[in-house]
Protein backbone atom coordinates (compact mmCIF):
# COMPACT_ATOMS: atom_id res chain seq x y z
CA LEU A 1 -2.93 19.72 11.76
CA LEU A 2 -1.56 18.01 14.84
CA THR A 3 0.00 15.29 12.70
CA ILE A 4 1.76 17.89 10.57
CA SER A 5 3.18 19.71 13.58
CA MET A 6 4.38 16.50 15.23
CA GLN A 7 6.20 15.05 12.19
CA GLU A 8 9.09 17.43 12.75
CA PRO A 9 8.53 19.15 16.09
CA THR A 10 10.23 22.51 16.48
CA VAL A 11 10.42 22.16 20.25
CA ARG A 12 12.11 19.86 22.73
CA GLY A 13 10.84 18.55 26.01
CA LEU A 14 7.55 17.20 27.27
CA ASN A 15 6.07 20.51 28.43
CA ALA A 16 6.94 22.29 25.19
CA THR A 17 5.47 19.45 23.13
CA ALA A 18 2.32 19.50 25.25
CA ASN A 19 1.99 23.23 24.62
CA VAL A 20 2.29 22.71 20.86
CA CYS A 21 -0.40 20.02 21.03
CA THR A 22 -2.67 22.35 23.00
CA ILE A 23 -2.23 25.14 20.46
CA ALA A 24 -2.94 22.71 17.60
CA HIS A 25 -6.14 21.55 19.30
CA ILE A 26 -7.28 25.14 19.83
CA ILE A 27 -6.69 25.86 16.14
CA VAL A 28 -8.71 22.79 15.12
CA LEU A 29 -11.57 23.91 17.36
CA ALA A 30 -11.40 27.42 15.88
CA VAL A 31 -11.61 25.96 12.36
CA ALA A 32 -14.64 23.89 13.37
CA LEU A 33 -16.32 26.93 14.90
CA THR A 34 -15.61 28.97 11.76
CA ALA A 35 -17.08 26.22 9.58
CA VAL A 36 -20.27 26.13 11.65
CA ARG A 37 -20.63 29.92 11.66
CA ASN A 38 -20.18 30.01 7.87
CA GLY A 39 -22.84 27.33 7.38
CA GLN A 40 -20.35 24.75 6.11
CA ARG A 41 -20.92 22.00 8.67
CA ASP A 42 -19.66 19.35 6.25
CA LYS A 43 -16.18 20.90 6.43
CA ILE A 44 -15.79 20.86 10.22
CA ARG A 45 -13.23 18.06 10.24
CA PHE A 46 -11.12 19.05 7.27
CA VAL A 47 -9.02 22.20 7.37
CA LYS A 48 -8.07 21.95 3.68
CA SER A 49 -11.70 21.81 2.53
CA LEU A 50 -12.57 24.93 4.54
CA ILE A 51 -9.43 26.84 3.53
CA PRO A 52 -8.42 25.46 0.11
CA SER A 53 -5.42 27.77 -0.27
CA LEU A 54 -3.42 25.87 2.40
């Protein structure tokens, strides 16, 4: 997810880029938490395997 958002950043400046990275990390942690709560621990690291419609 972070790689996708950094290929063509929509923001300029160090602080704005840091904020985008922080948001991306929070989303990744939320996906991992959702995977654990749904009993799909094998899908913690892969967003596309947890949410195949992406």
